[in-house]
Each structure stands twice: as structure tokens, then as C-alpha cells.
Amino acid sequence: MNKELMEALDILEKEKEISKETLFDAIENSLITACKNHFGKSDNIKVEIDKETCDFLCYAEKEVVEEVEDDCTQIDLEDALKISKRAQVGDIVHVEIKSKEFGRIATQNAKNVILQKIREEERSVIYNQYFEKEKDVVTGIVQRYVGRNISINLGKADGILNESEQVKGEMFKPTERIKVYILEVKNTPKGPRILVSRTHPELVKRLFESEVTEIKDGTVEIKSIAREAGSRTKMAVWSNNPNVDAVGACVGINGSRVNTIVEELRGEKIDIINWDDNPGNMIQNALSPAKIVAVFADPDEKTAKVVVPDYQLSLAIGKEGQNARLAARLTGYKIDIKSETQAKDAPGFRYEDYIDDYEEYDEDEYEGEYETEASDFEEVEENWEEGWEEAPEKEEDFDGEGNWEESEKENFDAQGSREEAAEEELTEE
């Protein structure tokens, strides 16, 4: 058993994640290359490797002839009988080749073949490993600034954070740990080239997926996201479970979940709103915290006209138009915002522009309803009068002397006399 070779293959398989099958193929090709360099030909060279013991045998297939014309492919009968006693002219015998007989150049070439194969496999393993993580978030260590770009150590490979993918104002120190979004993984002759980003909107989405359990298991979905890196992000979420509050799940208790992501993004503000299939409601939510008076949305043209109170206009538009811009990206609508004063005479912002017909009331139907109500009132009045007459039957309604009816009559007469006096005054005037 070739113990040294066995140990070397085990170490390579463990550290470089290169399979032994690939390494055996590399050894076989290196031996064939060495034979070609040593003998000038390798067409009749065969290599056999025992994958359990790592013992290998290299031999040349030669034809038995009476007179040798080519030493590489032919052998005379006398030499063939030394290898096999049953050898005859025309037979093929296996002539063992000792690897120790190879010259220095042939040995060096065989070594280079093995090393080259190991490097190729190592690059291939790294490429496949990070290609699977493409469009995902990984943690890296800042190494150094290369011009205006930053080299990020991602473990087994280095990523490049280009200037265009950096957030303005963010400064990193060497050995600092940061989370980055893998944009693209390219396979080049020098190894995999990994491009990462800190400005991509998917970075925020992946951070929420890793932080919020409800998003990871599919209970809460992130429907849309719009981001201006380093400043503000708007995100629309939807819950598939009516018992789960989508916004509350993303915010967490006392904002614990969203604050973790805000810290990772160096203080970037995050607005989380509820998704709505109704374009008007969705636009209203997207423009929060501004209050909306009316929204006129056109789903076909993907445009919307929004009316806000006069004192809310600057808040709805936002600093340098940021709030309106992010709302437009989030909803996919082109949004035009005006205050109530501006919208009074502006075409497309008045209710009359969206109402074609006014409702007309049927007068007969209206009168019928009124008569019914009047008759109901008369029935109530009659019932009330009947109840008034029957009221004295209750003991508590009598006074101490039992003169309830007389006392009420007196009050009525007194009231009647006052009415007569009022009529006389009007007549005199």
C-alpha cells in the first residue's frame, strides 16, 4: 500500500474539497505525459491504479516480432519470453515501466500536470460554491482598498465591492465585518471573480428573510421594495395568514427586528407598509406618512393623480422628491401630486372629471316614502295618547289626595288660558 499517496489524497480531499476520483485521473494523466516525454510516444501506454491501496502500475503494450523496428511499440521474441513463457510472434505483451526510470524533465512535467489539475479543480469547487450563493447575502471581512474599490474576503475567495455598488458616506476599516449581496460570479482563467454590492434593494430583502421567521417560512411575503441606498427604503408586505400582522412581524417587539437591519445598513430609514391589491389604497399606503384626500388611479396607463391637504404637500413629496419617487417605484405607477388648492381647477384632479352621470331622485317614490313615515308617526301618537289615558291606573301616578286628573286638568286650563292671551295680543297688534 502506498501510504504516503493515500495520506496526500485524503488531505487534498478534506481541505480543497477535491474528490479522489479527480485526483486519480490527474495521476493517470501525469504518468502518461511522463512516458510520452521519456519515450516520445504514449499511444500504447496504460496506467492502472488501485483506488483502495493507491498502488499503481504503468506498462506499455508491445507487439512480439522477430526483428524489432520500433522499440516503443515492438519487442523481440526472446525478450517477450522472459515476460511470458507462452509468448509467440504476433502476440501483445505488457512491459512494465518503472517510474524511477523517468528523467528529471519528465518527472517535473508529471508534477506540473498534477498541480495544474488540482488548481483547476480548486477553482471549479470555489466557483460552484459561490455560484450557488449568487443573489444571496454573505458576511465578509474588509481587507484593503484597491483604488476606489474594496477587496472583501468571503472565506475561500475574495469579492470586489466596486465604487458604483458602495453607499455614499460609508467608510470601512480593515478587518471590519460587513454583509454584502453577491451580484455576479464569473469564471475566469485566474479563478472565480465575485462582484458584491451594498446598494442593491435585494440586500434589504435578504436581511429581512434572515431576521424575520415569518418571511422565511412563507407566512409573510415581501411584495415590493424600493430603495435609495444610505437614505430610505420602502417595503410593501403581505400576510397569507389573517391572524398574523405583516408589518408587526417585520418590525418586531419594540422594533427589535427592524432595528437590527437598520444598524447593519448604518442608520438607513426603512418604511414598512401593507400591500393592497387596490391601486388607490396601495398608493395611499406608499405615500405614508402623508395624509391623502383623494387618489385617482388609472390601471391601464399606470398613472395616478393624488390630492393632499395644503399643509401635507411637502411631506407627501418628501425631501428632494424622495417620498414620491420611492412610492412610484414601489407601486409601479407614475404619481402626480397636488394640494387641494392646486387641484380645484386642475384637469384630472376634480371629482367631476370622473363622474359621468348624477343620480336623479324619483319624486313620487320620495313622497310615498314620506307618507308612509307620516302614517307611522300618527300611529305612534295615537298609541301614546292611549297610554296617557291609562297612566292614572298606576298607583304611583296619584298624588297624596288622589286628585291626579284634576291637577292635570288645572295645568291644561292654565296652559290654554296662556295660549288665548297670546292670541289676543296678536289680534291687538
Protein backbone atom coordinates (compact mmCIF):
# COMPACT_ATOMS: atom_id res chain seq x y z
CA MET A 1 0.00 0.00 0.00
CA ASN A 2 1.24 3.43 -0.92
CA LYS A 3 0.53 5.14 2.44
CA GLU A 4 2.11 8.47 1.55
CA LEU A 5 -0.02 8.86 -1.55
CA MET A 6 -3.11 7.80 0.38
CA GLU A 7 -2.49 10.47 3.07
CA ALA A 8 -1.85 13.17 0.48
CA LEU A 9 -5.13 12.39 -1.32
CA ASP A 10 -7.08 12.42 1.96
CA ILE A 11 -5.68 15.84 2.90
CA LEU A 12 -6.47 17.31 -0.53
CA GLU A 13 -9.98 15.92 -0.42
CA LYS A 14 -10.61 17.38 3.04
CA GLU A 15 -9.04 20.82 2.63
CA LYS A 16 -9.65 21.55 -1.05
CA GLU A 17 -12.88 19.54 -1.34
CA ILE A 18 -11.48 17.77 -4.41
CA SER A 19 -12.75 14.24 -4.95
CA LYS A 20 -10.31 11.34 -5.07
CA GLU A 21 -11.67 10.29 -8.45
CA THR A 22 -10.44 13.56 -9.92
CA LEU A 23 -7.05 13.17 -8.27
CA PHE A 24 -6.66 9.60 -9.60
CA ASP A 25 -7.42 10.89 -13.09
CA ALA A 26 -4.77 13.57 -12.63
CA ILE A 27 -2.15 10.99 -11.57
CA GLU A 28 -3.00 8.78 -14.52
CA ASN A 29 -2.67 11.65 -16.99
CA SER A 30 0.62 12.76 -15.42
CA LEU A 31 2.14 9.29 -15.82
CA ILE A 32 1.04 9.11 -19.43
CA THR A 33 2.56 12.55 -20.03
CA ALA A 34 5.83 11.47 -18.41
CA CYS A 35 6.00 8.37 -20.63
CA LYS A 36 5.41 10.49 -23.72
CA ASN A 37 8.23 12.84 -22.72
CA HIS A 38 10.54 9.93 -21.93
CA PHE A 39 9.79 7.59 -24.85
CA GLY A 40 8.41 10.04 -27.39
CA LYS A 41 5.10 8.13 -27.70
CA SER A 42 2.27 7.35 -25.33
CA ASP A 43 -0.36 5.72 -27.56
CA ASN A 44 0.39 2.24 -26.20
CA ILE A 45 0.92 3.33 -22.57
CA LYS A 46 -1.62 2.14 -19.99
CA VAL A 47 -1.90 3.06 -16.31
CA GLU A 48 -3.78 1.03 -13.72
CA ILE A 49 -4.43 2.42 -10.21
CA ASP A 50 -5.84 0.53 -7.26
CA LYS A 51 -8.10 3.13 -5.63
CA GLU A 52 -8.18 1.28 -2.30
CA THR A 53 -4.44 0.82 -1.79
CA CYS A 54 -3.26 3.66 -4.10
CA ASP A 55 -0.81 1.23 -5.78
CA PHE A 56 -0.35 1.98 -9.47
CA LEU A 57 1.10 0.10 -12.43
CA CYS A 58 2.34 1.67 -15.63
CA TYR A 59 3.02 -0.57 -18.62
CA ALA A 60 3.44 -0.44 -22.40
CA GLU A 61 1.61 -2.76 -24.82
CA LYS A 62 4.19 -4.10 -27.30
CA GLU A 63 3.85 -6.47 -30.23
CA VAL A 64 6.11 -9.56 -30.35
CA VAL A 65 8.16 -9.60 -33.57
CA GLU A 66 11.21 -11.44 -34.86
CA GLU A 67 13.04 -8.26 -35.78
CA VAL A 68 12.40 -5.03 -33.84
CA GLU A 69 11.98 -1.89 -35.89
CA ASP A 70 10.42 0.36 -33.20
CA ASP A 71 11.44 -0.09 -29.57
CA CYS A 72 8.40 1.79 -28.31
CA THR A 73 5.81 -0.50 -29.85
CA GLN A 74 7.67 -3.75 -30.62
CA ILE A 75 9.63 -6.37 -28.70
CA ASP A 76 11.60 -9.39 -29.96
CA LEU A 77 10.54 -12.92 -29.13
CA GLU A 78 13.49 -13.60 -26.80
CA ASP A 79 12.65 -10.65 -24.51
CA ALA A 80 8.94 -11.44 -24.70
CA LEU A 81 9.55 -15.00 -23.43
CA LYS A 82 11.16 -13.51 -20.31
CA ILE A 83 7.91 -11.75 -19.55
CA SER A 84 5.56 -14.54 -20.60
CA LYS A 85 6.66 -18.11 -21.37
CA ARG A 86 3.71 -18.51 -23.74
CA ALA A 87 4.58 -15.52 -25.87
CA GLN A 88 4.56 -16.03 -29.65
CA VAL A 89 5.23 -13.83 -32.63
CA GLY A 90 2.24 -11.52 -33.16
CA ASP A 91 1.12 -11.54 -29.53
CA ILE A 92 0.78 -8.39 -27.36
CA VAL A 93 2.68 -8.39 -24.11
CA HIS A 94 2.63 -5.88 -21.24
CA VAL A 95 6.04 -4.41 -20.49
CA GLU A 96 6.17 -2.72 -17.09
CA ILE A 97 7.57 0.80 -16.95
CA LYS A 98 9.35 1.90 -13.81
CA SER A 99 8.55 5.47 -12.90
CA LYS A 100 12.02 5.77 -11.37
CA GLU A 101 13.46 5.45 -14.86
CA PHE A 102 11.90 8.75 -15.93
CA GLY A 103 14.26 11.62 -16.37
CA ARG A 104 14.13 14.87 -14.38
CA ILE A 105 12.26 16.74 -17.08
CA ALA A 106 9.65 14.00 -17.47
CA THR A 107 9.16 13.88 -13.70
CA GLN A 108 8.80 17.67 -13.48
CA ASN A 109 6.23 17.67 -16.25
CA ALA A 110 4.25 14.95 -14.50
CA LYS A 111 4.29 17.01 -11.30
CA ASN A 112 3.07 20.11 -13.14
CA VAL A 113 0.20 18.13 -14.66
CA ILE A 114 -0.96 17.04 -11.21
CA LEU A 115 -0.64 20.54 -9.74
CA GLN A 116 -2.46 22.10 -12.68
CA LYS A 117 -5.33 19.68 -12.29
CA ILE A 118 -5.53 20.39 -8.57
CA ARG A 119 -5.67 24.15 -9.21
CA GLU A 120 -8.37 23.77 -11.85
CA GLU A 121 -10.47 21.62 -9.56
CA GLU A 122 -9.98 24.01 -6.67
CA ARG A 123 -11.17 26.94 -8.80
CA SER A 124 -14.09 24.89 -10.05
CA VAL A 125 -15.11 23.96 -6.49
CA ILE A 126 -14.91 27.59 -5.33
CA TYR A 127 -16.85 28.79 -8.38
CA ASN A 128 -19.62 26.25 -7.83
CA GLN A 129 -19.74 27.05 -4.14
CA TYR A 130 -20.23 30.80 -4.65
CA PHE A 131 -22.34 30.41 -7.79
CA GLU A 132 -24.93 28.72 -5.56
CA LYS A 133 -24.84 31.80 -3.29
CA GLU A 134 -25.42 34.21 -6.16
CA LYS A 135 -28.30 36.64 -5.37
CA ASP A 136 -27.78 35.95 -1.67
CA VAL A 137 -26.22 37.76 1.31
CA VAL A 138 -22.90 36.67 2.84
CA THR A 139 -20.67 38.06 5.57
CA GLY A 140 -17.22 39.25 4.51
CA ILE A 141 -14.15 40.84 6.08
CA VAL A 142 -12.82 44.10 4.67
CA GLN A 143 -9.24 43.55 3.51
CA ARG A 144 -7.98 46.64 1.71
CA TYR A 145 -8.87 49.44 -0.69
CA VAL A 146 -7.87 48.78 -4.31
CA GLY A 147 -8.12 52.24 -5.79
CA ARG A 148 -11.73 53.21 -5.12
CA ASN A 149 -12.83 49.59 -4.95
CA ILE A 150 -12.75 47.43 -1.83
CA SER A 151 -11.49 43.86 -1.56
CA ILE A 152 -13.73 41.72 0.66
CA ASN A 153 -12.59 38.33 1.99
CA LEU A 154 -15.56 35.96 1.69
CA GLY A 155 -13.77 32.91 3.05
CA LYS A 156 -12.25 30.82 0.27
CA ALA A 157 -12.40 33.65 -2.26
CA ASP A 158 -12.22 37.43 -2.43
CA GLY A 159 -15.06 39.63 -3.58
CA ILE A 160 -14.81 43.05 -5.22
CA LEU A 161 -17.02 45.89 -3.98
CA ASN A 162 -16.95 48.38 -6.83
CA GLU A 163 -17.36 52.11 -6.27
CA SER A 164 -20.74 52.08 -8.04
CA GLU A 165 -22.03 49.47 -5.56
CA GLN A 166 -20.88 51.36 -2.45
CA VAL A 167 -23.20 53.51 -0.35
CA LYS A 168 -22.13 57.14 -0.32
CA GLY A 169 -20.76 58.09 3.06
CA GLU A 170 -19.95 54.56 4.20
CA MET A 171 -16.35 54.09 5.30
CA PHE A 172 -14.90 50.71 6.24
CA LYS A 173 -11.84 49.79 8.24
CA PRO A 174 -9.66 46.74 7.57
CA THR A 175 -10.78 43.56 9.41
CA GLU A 176 -14.31 45.01 9.74
CA ARG A 177 -17.15 42.52 9.17
CA ILE A 178 -19.95 43.58 6.82
CA LYS A 179 -22.81 41.89 4.98
CA VAL A 180 -22.80 42.12 1.20
CA TYR A 181 -25.08 40.96 -1.59
CA ILE A 182 -23.46 38.74 -4.26
CA LEU A 183 -24.32 40.28 -7.62
CA GLU A 184 -22.47 38.01 -10.03
CA VAL A 185 -19.94 35.20 -10.06
CA LYS A 186 -17.74 34.91 -13.17
CA ASN A 187 -15.43 32.02 -14.01
CA THR A 188 -12.11 33.36 -15.32
CA PRO A 189 -8.73 31.70 -16.04
CA LYS A 190 -7.37 33.26 -12.86
CA GLY A 191 -10.22 31.90 -10.78
CA PRO A 192 -13.75 32.99 -9.92
CA ARG A 193 -14.40 36.75 -9.94
CA ILE A 194 -17.10 37.68 -7.41
CA LEU A 195 -18.87 41.05 -7.58
CA VAL A 196 -20.71 42.19 -4.44
CA SER A 197 -22.98 45.12 -3.61
CA ARG A 198 -24.15 47.22 -0.66
CA THR A 199 -26.73 49.27 -2.60
CA HIS A 200 -28.93 46.58 -4.18
CA PRO A 201 -32.59 46.51 -2.94
CA GLU A 202 -32.37 42.72 -2.62
CA LEU A 203 -29.84 43.22 0.20
CA VAL A 204 -32.62 44.62 2.41
CA LYS A 205 -34.97 41.83 1.33
CA ARG A 206 -32.46 39.08 2.17
CA LEU A 207 -31.67 40.68 5.53
CA PHE A 208 -35.37 40.62 6.43
CA GLU A 209 -35.63 36.99 5.31
CA SER A 210 -32.79 36.02 7.64
CA GLU A 211 -34.12 38.10 10.54
CA VAL A 212 -37.91 37.55 10.31
CA THR A 213 -39.05 33.96 10.81
CA GLU A 214 -42.47 34.63 9.25
CA ILE A 215 -40.86 35.70 5.97
CA LYS A 216 -38.56 32.68 5.94
CA ASP A 217 -41.43 30.19 6.36
CA GLY A 218 -43.65 31.98 3.81
CA THR A 219 -46.31 33.34 6.18
CA VAL A 220 -45.37 36.92 5.27
CA GLU A 221 -44.35 37.90 1.73
CA ILE A 222 -42.35 40.91 0.59
CA LYS A 223 -44.37 42.02 -2.42
CA SER A 224 -42.35 45.03 -3.49
CA ILE A 225 -39.34 47.03 -2.38
CA ALA A 226 -37.86 50.38 -3.41
CA ARG A 227 -34.57 51.69 -2.08
CA GLU A 228 -32.31 54.70 -2.17
CA ALA A 229 -29.20 53.29 -0.54
CA GLY A 230 -27.98 55.11 2.53
CA SER A 231 -31.14 57.20 2.88
CA ARG A 232 -34.51 55.43 2.85
CA THR A 233 -36.20 52.18 1.85
CA LYS A 234 -39.91 51.49 1.34
CA MET A 235 -41.12 47.91 1.54
CA ALA A 236 -44.63 46.51 0.97
CA VAL A 237 -45.50 43.29 2.80
CA TRP A 238 -48.48 40.93 2.74
CA SER A 239 -49.59 38.24 5.19
CA ASN A 240 -51.00 34.92 3.99
CA ASN A 241 -52.37 34.30 7.48
CA PRO A 242 -55.16 36.66 8.64
CA ASN A 243 -54.04 36.16 12.24
CA VAL A 244 -50.54 37.47 11.52
CA ASP A 245 -49.84 41.19 11.17
CA ALA A 246 -47.32 41.54 8.33
CA VAL A 247 -45.98 44.93 9.40
CA GLY A 248 -45.82 43.95 13.07
CA ALA A 249 -43.91 40.76 12.26
CA CYS A 250 -41.26 42.73 10.34
CA VAL A 251 -40.95 45.44 12.99
CA GLY A 252 -40.74 43.05 15.95
CA ILE A 253 -41.22 43.73 19.65
CA ASN A 254 -40.22 47.34 20.35
CA GLY A 255 -38.71 47.40 16.83
CA SER A 256 -36.10 44.76 17.68
CA ARG A 257 -36.11 43.10 14.26
CA VAL A 258 -36.10 46.17 12.06
CA ASN A 259 -33.53 47.92 14.30
CA THR A 260 -31.06 45.08 13.74
CA ILE A 261 -31.31 45.62 9.98
CA VAL A 262 -31.10 49.41 10.34
CA GLU A 263 -27.86 49.02 12.30
CA GLU A 264 -26.41 46.77 9.60
CA LEU A 265 -27.33 49.40 6.98
CA ARG A 266 -25.67 52.15 9.04
CA GLY A 267 -28.86 54.01 10.04
CA GLU A 268 -30.80 53.79 6.78
CA LYS A 269 -34.51 54.52 7.36
CA ILE A 270 -36.97 51.75 6.49
CA ASP A 271 -40.71 52.29 5.90
CA ILE A 272 -42.80 49.11 6.06
CA ILE A 273 -46.35 49.31 4.67
CA ASN A 274 -49.20 46.90 3.97
CA TRP A 275 -49.63 45.67 0.41
CA ASP A 276 -53.06 46.22 -1.16
CA ASP A 277 -54.39 44.90 -4.49
CA ASN A 278 -56.41 48.09 -4.87
CA PRO A 279 -54.12 50.61 -6.64
CA GLY A 280 -55.69 53.56 -4.83
CA ASN A 281 -55.17 52.08 -1.38
CA MET A 282 -51.70 50.90 -2.30
CA ILE A 283 -50.65 54.38 -3.46
CA GLN A 284 -52.13 55.88 -0.32
CA ASN A 285 -50.11 53.48 1.83
CA ALA A 286 -46.95 54.07 -0.21
CA LEU A 287 -47.13 57.85 0.32
CA SER A 288 -47.30 57.48 4.11
CA PRO A 289 -46.77 59.25 6.47
CA ALA A 290 -48.53 61.91 4.37
CA LYS A 291 -52.34 62.10 4.60
CA ILE A 292 -54.24 61.71 1.33
CA VAL A 293 -57.54 63.39 0.38
CA ALA A 294 -58.19 61.51 -2.88
CA VAL A 295 -56.44 59.17 -5.32
CA PHE A 296 -57.45 58.82 -8.98
CA ALA A 297 -55.57 55.80 -10.40
CA ASP A 298 -55.59 54.56 -14.00
CA PRO A 299 -54.52 50.87 -14.03
CA ASP A 300 -54.27 50.79 -17.83
CA GLU A 301 -51.95 53.77 -18.17
CA LYS A 302 -50.24 53.07 -14.84
CA THR A 303 -50.70 56.68 -13.79
CA ALA A 304 -52.23 58.19 -10.67
CA LYS A 305 -53.30 61.68 -9.58
CA VAL A 306 -53.17 62.34 -5.86
CA VAL A 307 -54.74 65.21 -3.89
CA VAL A 308 -53.35 66.04 -0.46
CA PRO A 309 -54.12 68.77 2.10
CA ASP A 310 -52.23 72.01 1.55
CA TYR A 311 -50.13 71.56 4.68
CA GLN A 312 -49.24 67.95 3.70
CA LEU A 313 -47.91 68.68 0.20
CA SER A 314 -44.24 68.98 1.18
CA LEU A 315 -44.48 65.84 3.34
CA ALA A 316 -46.06 63.82 0.50
CA ILE A 317 -43.39 64.88 -1.98
CA GLY A 318 -40.55 64.48 0.52
CA LYS A 319 -37.09 65.96 0.61
CA GLU A 320 -35.93 66.44 -2.99
CA GLY A 321 -38.98 64.39 -4.07
CA GLN A 322 -37.73 61.26 -2.33
CA ASN A 323 -41.05 60.12 -0.81
CA ALA A 324 -42.95 60.45 -4.09
CA ARG A 325 -40.10 58.85 -6.05
CA LEU A 326 -39.92 55.80 -3.80
CA ALA A 327 -43.72 55.46 -3.81
CA ALA A 328 -43.69 55.47 -7.62
CA ARG A 329 -41.04 52.73 -7.72
CA LEU A 330 -42.86 50.71 -5.09
CA THR A 331 -46.25 50.78 -6.83
CA GLY A 332 -45.12 50.97 -10.46
CA TYR A 333 -47.38 53.99 -11.06
CA LYS A 334 -46.41 57.43 -12.29
CA ILE A 335 -47.74 59.63 -9.48
CA ASP A 336 -48.72 63.31 -9.85
CA ILE A 337 -49.31 65.06 -6.51
CA LYS A 338 -51.17 68.36 -6.00
CA SER A 339 -52.55 70.18 -2.98
CA GLU A 340 -56.28 70.83 -2.59
CA THR A 341 -55.85 74.45 -3.68
CA GLN A 342 -53.91 73.47 -6.80
CA ALA A 343 -56.34 70.65 -7.64
CA LYS A 344 -59.51 72.79 -7.66
CA ASP A 345 -59.06 73.95 -11.25
CA ALA A 346 -56.52 71.38 -12.47
CA PRO A 347 -57.96 68.91 -15.03
CA GLY A 348 -57.93 65.33 -13.84
CA PHE A 349 -57.87 66.25 -10.16
CA ARG A 350 -61.58 67.11 -9.79
CA TYR A 351 -64.27 64.61 -8.87
CA GLU A 352 -66.40 65.89 -11.77
CA ASP A 353 -63.81 64.57 -14.22
CA TYR A 354 -64.51 61.03 -13.04
CA ILE A 355 -68.30 61.17 -12.62
CA ASP A 356 -70.32 60.89 -15.84
CA ASP A 357 -73.88 60.75 -14.53
CA TYR A 358 -75.52 62.22 -11.47
CA GLU A 359 -78.16 60.21 -9.62
CA GLU A 360 -81.75 61.51 -10.14
CA TYR A 361 -84.36 61.03 -7.45
CA ASP A 362 -87.92 59.88 -8.24
CA GLU A 363 -90.24 62.47 -6.64
CA ASP A 364 -93.25 60.13 -6.48
CA GLU A 365 -91.20 57.47 -4.77
CA TYR A 366 -89.85 60.05 -2.37
CA GLU A 367 -93.37 61.31 -1.50
CA GLY A 368 -94.60 57.78 -0.96
CA GLU A 369 -91.84 57.15 1.47
CA TYR A 370 -92.69 60.40 3.27
CA GLU A 371 -96.40 59.48 3.54
CA THR A 372 -95.53 56.13 4.99
CA GLU A 373 -93.36 57.76 7.58
CA ALA A 374 -96.14 60.27 8.44
CA SER A 375 -98.70 57.47 8.92
CA ASP A 376 -96.28 55.67 11.17
CA PHE A 377 -95.94 58.84 13.20
CA GLU A 378 -99.75 59.14 13.59
CA GLU A 379 -99.96 55.55 14.84
CA VAL A 380 -97.27 56.27 17.39
CA GLU A 381 -99.10 59.42 18.52
CA GLU A 382 -102.40 57.53 18.96
CA ASN A 383 -100.69 54.83 20.96
CA TRP A 384 -99.04 57.49 23.10
CA GLU A 385 -102.41 59.18 23.82
CA GLU A 386 -103.96 55.86 24.76
CA GLY A 387 -101.08 55.22 27.10
CA TRP A 388 -101.54 58.69 28.59
CA GLU A 389 -105.20 57.93 29.45
CA GLU A 390 -104.34 54.61 31.04
CA ALA A 391 -101.49 56.03 33.07
CA PRO A 392 -103.60 57.02 36.14
CA GLU A 393 -104.25 53.32 36.78
CA LYS A 394 -100.75 53.15 38.26
CA GLU A 395 -100.74 53.88 41.94
CA GLU A 396 -97.58 55.92 41.93
CA ASP A 397 -99.04 58.43 39.49
CA PHE A 398 -101.69 59.63 42.02
CA ASP A 399 -100.88 62.42 44.38
CA GLY A 400 -101.42 62.20 48.09
CA GLU A 401 -105.12 63.19 47.86
CA GLY A 402 -105.88 61.14 44.75
CA ASN A 403 -106.58 64.22 42.55
CA TRP A 404 -104.32 63.33 39.63
CA GLU A 405 -106.87 64.06 36.86
CA GLU A 406 -107.92 67.36 38.42
CA SER A 407 -104.35 68.57 38.83
CA GLU A 408 -103.54 67.75 35.26
CA LYS A 409 -106.74 69.45 34.10
CA GLU A 410 -105.82 72.56 36.00
CA ASN A 411 -102.42 72.63 34.37
CA PHE A 412 -104.06 72.18 30.99
CA ASP A 413 -106.53 75.05 31.64
CA ALA A 414 -103.77 77.26 32.78
CA GLN A 415 -101.83 76.45 29.61
CA GLY A 416 -104.96 77.05 27.49
CA SER A 417 -105.54 80.42 29.07
CA ARG A 418 -101.96 81.41 28.29
CA GLU A 419 -102.46 80.45 24.64
CA GLU A 420 -105.66 82.56 24.48
CA ALA A 421 -103.80 85.52 25.94
CA ALA A 422 -101.12 85.17 23.28
CA GLU A 423 -103.77 85.14 20.53
CA GLU A 424 -105.40 88.31 21.92
CA GLU A 425 -102.04 90.10 21.88
CA LEU A 426 -101.53 89.18 18.21
CA THR A 427 -105.04 90.38 17.32
CA GLU A 428 -104.47 93.78 19.01
CA GLU A 429 -101.25 94.25 17.12
